[in-house]
Amino acid sequence: MKREELLAALREAAPNVNWGADAPENTLSSLDTLMIVSQLYSRFGVAVPPEELRSANFRSADAILSLCENLEKERN
């Protein structure tokens, strides 16, 4: 998964959030998090287990990308 692809998915899932590189850490609503997790699965096949649903994993696009990369490594 490329960062640009992830950003497109994040903007679609949570359009009210600033996903730019200069954005402060995001505070997501539970609905934003649900939409992001759903988008990660439907677009990239990445299933986020409940134990990974921590705010630190969703604070920025880079944190989400890191989470996805780690989950993909575990899957393979």
N, C-alpha and C. Protein backbone atom coordinates (compact mmCIF):
# COMPACT_ATOMS: atom_id res chain seq x y z
N MET A 1 0.84 -1.17 0.00
CA MET A 1 0.00 0.00 0.00
C MET A 1 0.89 1.24 0.00
N LYS A 2 0.58 2.15 -0.88
CA LYS A 2 1.34 3.39 -0.97
C LYS A 2 0.65 4.47 -0.12
N ARG A 3 1.44 5.41 0.35
CA ARG A 3 0.91 6.47 1.20
C ARG A 3 -0.19 7.25 0.48
N GLU A 4 -0.01 7.51 -0.81
CA GLU A 4 -1.01 8.26 -1.58
C GLU A 4 -2.33 7.51 -1.64
N GLU A 5 -2.26 6.18 -1.80
CA GLU A 5 -3.48 5.36 -1.82
C GLU A 5 -4.18 5.42 -0.46
N LEU A 6 -3.39 5.34 0.59
CA LEU A 6 -3.96 5.41 1.93
C LEU A 6 -4.61 6.77 2.17
N LEU A 7 -3.95 7.84 1.78
CA LEU A 7 -4.52 9.18 1.97
C LEU A 7 -5.84 9.32 1.24
N ALA A 8 -5.94 8.78 0.03
CA ALA A 8 -7.20 8.84 -0.71
C ALA A 8 -8.30 8.10 0.06
N ALA A 9 -7.96 6.93 0.60
CA ALA A 9 -8.94 6.15 1.38
C ALA A 9 -9.34 6.88 2.65
N LEU A 10 -8.36 7.51 3.32
CA LEU A 10 -8.66 8.24 4.56
C LEU A 10 -9.54 9.45 4.28
N ARG A 11 -9.26 10.15 3.22
CA ARG A 11 -10.08 11.33 2.86
C ARG A 11 -11.51 10.92 2.52
N GLU A 12 -11.67 9.77 1.93
CA GLU A 12 -13.01 9.27 1.63
C GLU A 12 -13.73 8.82 2.90
N ALA A 13 -13.02 8.14 3.77
CA ALA A 13 -13.63 7.60 4.99
C ALA A 13 -13.92 8.68 6.02
N ALA A 14 -13.04 9.66 6.13
CA ALA A 14 -13.18 10.72 7.14
C ALA A 14 -12.84 12.06 6.51
N PRO A 15 -13.74 12.59 5.67
CA PRO A 15 -13.44 13.81 4.92
C PRO A 15 -13.31 15.06 5.79
N ASN A 16 -13.80 15.02 7.00
CA ASN A 16 -13.74 16.18 7.88
C ASN A 16 -12.41 16.29 8.62
N VAL A 17 -11.51 15.34 8.42
CA VAL A 17 -10.23 15.31 9.12
C VAL A 17 -9.13 15.84 8.21
N ASN A 18 -8.23 16.65 8.76
CA ASN A 18 -7.08 17.15 8.00
C ASN A 18 -6.00 16.07 8.01
N TRP A 19 -5.76 15.44 6.87
CA TRP A 19 -4.78 14.36 6.77
C TRP A 19 -3.45 14.83 6.21
N GLY A 20 -3.26 16.14 6.07
CA GLY A 20 -2.01 16.67 5.52
C GLY A 20 -0.83 16.40 6.43
N ALA A 21 0.36 16.45 5.85
CA ALA A 21 1.58 16.17 6.60
C ALA A 21 1.79 17.17 7.74
N ASP A 22 1.29 18.39 7.57
CA ASP A 22 1.47 19.41 8.58
C ASP A 22 0.34 19.44 9.61
N ALA A 23 -0.58 18.47 9.50
CA ALA A 23 -1.73 18.44 10.40
C ALA A 23 -1.30 18.05 11.80
N PRO A 24 -1.92 18.65 12.80
CA PRO A 24 -1.66 18.19 14.17
C PRO A 24 -2.25 16.80 14.34
N GLU A 25 -1.90 16.15 15.42
CA GLU A 25 -2.47 14.83 15.66
C GLU A 25 -3.99 14.93 15.66
N ASN A 26 -4.61 13.99 15.03
CA ASN A 26 -6.06 14.01 14.88
C ASN A 26 -6.78 13.42 16.09
N THR A 27 -7.92 13.99 16.36
CA THR A 27 -8.83 13.42 17.33
C THR A 27 -10.02 12.91 16.53
N LEU A 28 -10.15 11.61 16.44
CA LEU A 28 -11.21 11.01 15.63
C LEU A 28 -12.40 10.64 16.48
N SER A 29 -13.57 10.77 15.88
CA SER A 29 -14.76 10.27 16.54
C SER A 29 -14.79 8.75 16.38
N SER A 30 -15.63 8.10 17.13
CA SER A 30 -15.75 6.65 16.99
C SER A 30 -16.27 6.30 15.59
N LEU A 31 -17.13 7.15 15.03
CA LEU A 31 -17.64 6.90 13.68
C LEU A 31 -16.50 7.04 12.66
N ASP A 32 -15.64 8.06 12.82
CA ASP A 32 -14.49 8.19 11.92
C ASP A 32 -13.63 6.94 11.96
N THR A 33 -13.35 6.46 13.16
CA THR A 33 -12.52 5.26 13.32
C THR A 33 -13.18 4.06 12.65
N LEU A 34 -14.46 3.89 12.85
CA LEU A 34 -15.19 2.79 12.22
C LEU A 34 -15.12 2.88 10.70
N MET A 35 -15.31 4.07 10.17
CA MET A 35 -15.26 4.25 8.72
C MET A 35 -13.86 3.96 8.18
N ILE A 36 -12.84 4.38 8.91
CA ILE A 36 -11.46 4.13 8.48
C ILE A 36 -11.15 2.63 8.49
N VAL A 37 -11.52 1.96 9.57
CA VAL A 37 -11.29 0.51 9.67
C VAL A 37 -12.02 -0.22 8.54
N SER A 38 -13.23 0.19 8.26
CA SER A 38 -14.00 -0.42 7.18
C SER A 38 -13.32 -0.18 5.83
N GLN A 39 -12.86 1.03 5.62
CA GLN A 39 -12.18 1.37 4.36
C GLN A 39 -10.86 0.60 4.20
N LEU A 40 -10.12 0.44 5.28
CA LEU A 40 -8.87 -0.33 5.21
C LEU A 40 -9.13 -1.76 4.78
N TYR A 41 -10.21 -2.34 5.30
CA TYR A 41 -10.54 -3.71 4.93
C TYR A 41 -11.06 -3.81 3.50
N SER A 42 -11.97 -2.94 3.13
CA SER A 42 -12.59 -3.07 1.81
C SER A 42 -11.62 -2.71 0.68
N ARG A 43 -10.77 -1.72 0.88
CA ARG A 43 -9.86 -1.31 -0.19
C ARG A 43 -8.54 -2.06 -0.21
N PHE A 44 -8.05 -2.45 0.96
CA PHE A 44 -6.71 -3.03 1.04
C PHE A 44 -6.66 -4.43 1.64
N GLY A 45 -7.79 -4.91 2.14
CA GLY A 45 -7.82 -6.24 2.74
C GLY A 45 -7.14 -6.30 4.10
N VAL A 46 -6.97 -5.15 4.74
CA VAL A 46 -6.32 -5.09 6.05
C VAL A 46 -7.39 -5.11 7.13
N ALA A 47 -7.38 -6.18 7.93
CA ALA A 47 -8.33 -6.30 9.03
C ALA A 47 -7.64 -5.83 10.31
N VAL A 48 -8.23 -4.83 10.94
CA VAL A 48 -7.66 -4.29 12.18
C VAL A 48 -8.31 -5.01 13.36
N PRO A 49 -7.54 -5.79 14.11
CA PRO A 49 -8.11 -6.51 15.25
C PRO A 49 -8.45 -5.54 16.39
N PRO A 50 -9.39 -5.93 17.25
CA PRO A 50 -9.82 -5.05 18.34
C PRO A 50 -8.68 -4.52 19.21
N GLU A 51 -7.67 -5.35 19.45
CA GLU A 51 -6.58 -4.90 20.33
C GLU A 51 -5.73 -3.78 19.71
N GLU A 52 -5.88 -3.55 18.41
CA GLU A 52 -5.14 -2.48 17.74
C GLU A 52 -5.97 -1.19 17.61
N LEU A 53 -7.18 -1.19 18.11
CA LEU A 53 -8.04 0.00 18.05
C LEU A 53 -7.69 0.96 19.18
N ARG A 54 -6.47 1.48 19.11
CA ARG A 54 -5.97 2.44 20.09
C ARG A 54 -5.76 3.78 19.39
N SER A 55 -5.96 4.85 20.12
CA SER A 55 -5.84 6.18 19.51
C SER A 55 -4.46 6.41 18.91
N ALA A 56 -3.42 5.85 19.51
CA ALA A 56 -2.06 6.03 18.98
C ALA A 56 -1.93 5.50 17.55
N ASN A 57 -2.68 4.45 17.22
CA ASN A 57 -2.61 3.87 15.89
C ASN A 57 -3.35 4.68 14.84
N PHE A 58 -4.15 5.66 15.27
CA PHE A 58 -4.98 6.43 14.35
C PHE A 58 -4.73 7.93 14.46
N ARG A 59 -3.62 8.34 15.07
CA ARG A 59 -3.38 9.76 15.33
C ARG A 59 -2.97 10.53 14.08
N SER A 60 -2.49 9.82 13.06
CA SER A 60 -2.06 10.47 11.82
C SER A 60 -2.07 9.45 10.69
N ALA A 61 -1.94 9.95 9.47
CA ALA A 61 -1.87 9.05 8.32
C ALA A 61 -0.65 8.15 8.42
N ASP A 62 0.46 8.69 8.89
CA ASP A 62 1.68 7.88 9.03
C ASP A 62 1.50 6.78 10.07
N ALA A 63 0.80 7.08 11.16
CA ALA A 63 0.54 6.06 12.19
C ALA A 63 -0.34 4.95 11.62
N ILE A 64 -1.33 5.31 10.83
CA ILE A 64 -2.21 4.31 10.23
C ILE A 64 -1.44 3.48 9.21
N LEU A 65 -0.59 4.14 8.43
CA LEU A 65 0.23 3.41 7.46
C LEU A 65 1.14 2.41 8.17
N SER A 66 1.75 2.83 9.25
CA SER A 66 2.61 1.93 10.03
C SER A 66 1.81 0.75 10.58
N LEU A 67 0.63 1.03 11.09
CA LEU A 67 -0.25 -0.04 11.59
C LEU A 67 -0.54 -1.05 10.48
N CYS A 68 -0.92 -0.55 9.31
CA CYS A 68 -1.24 -1.43 8.19
C CYS A 68 -0.04 -2.26 7.76
N GLU A 69 1.12 -1.63 7.69
CA GLU A 69 2.33 -2.36 7.31
C GLU A 69 2.65 -3.47 8.31
N ASN A 70 2.49 -3.17 9.59
CA ASN A 70 2.75 -4.19 10.63
C ASN A 70 1.74 -5.33 10.54
N LEU A 71 0.49 -5.00 10.31
CA LEU A 71 -0.54 -6.04 10.21
C LEU A 71 -0.32 -6.90 8.95
N GLU A 72 0.12 -6.28 7.86
CA GLU A 72 0.40 -7.05 6.65
C GLU A 72 1.58 -7.98 6.85
N LYS A 73 2.61 -7.53 7.58
CA LYS A 73 3.76 -8.40 7.88
C LYS A 73 3.33 -9.60 8.71
N GLU A 74 2.49 -9.36 9.71
CA GLU A 74 2.00 -10.46 10.55
C GLU A 74 1.18 -11.45 9.74
N ARG A 75 0.44 -10.94 8.77
CA ARG A 75 -0.43 -11.81 7.96
C ARG A 75 0.39 -12.68 7.03
N ASN A 76 1.53 -12.19 6.58
CA ASN A 76 2.35 -12.95 5.63
C ASN A 76 3.37 -13.70 6.41
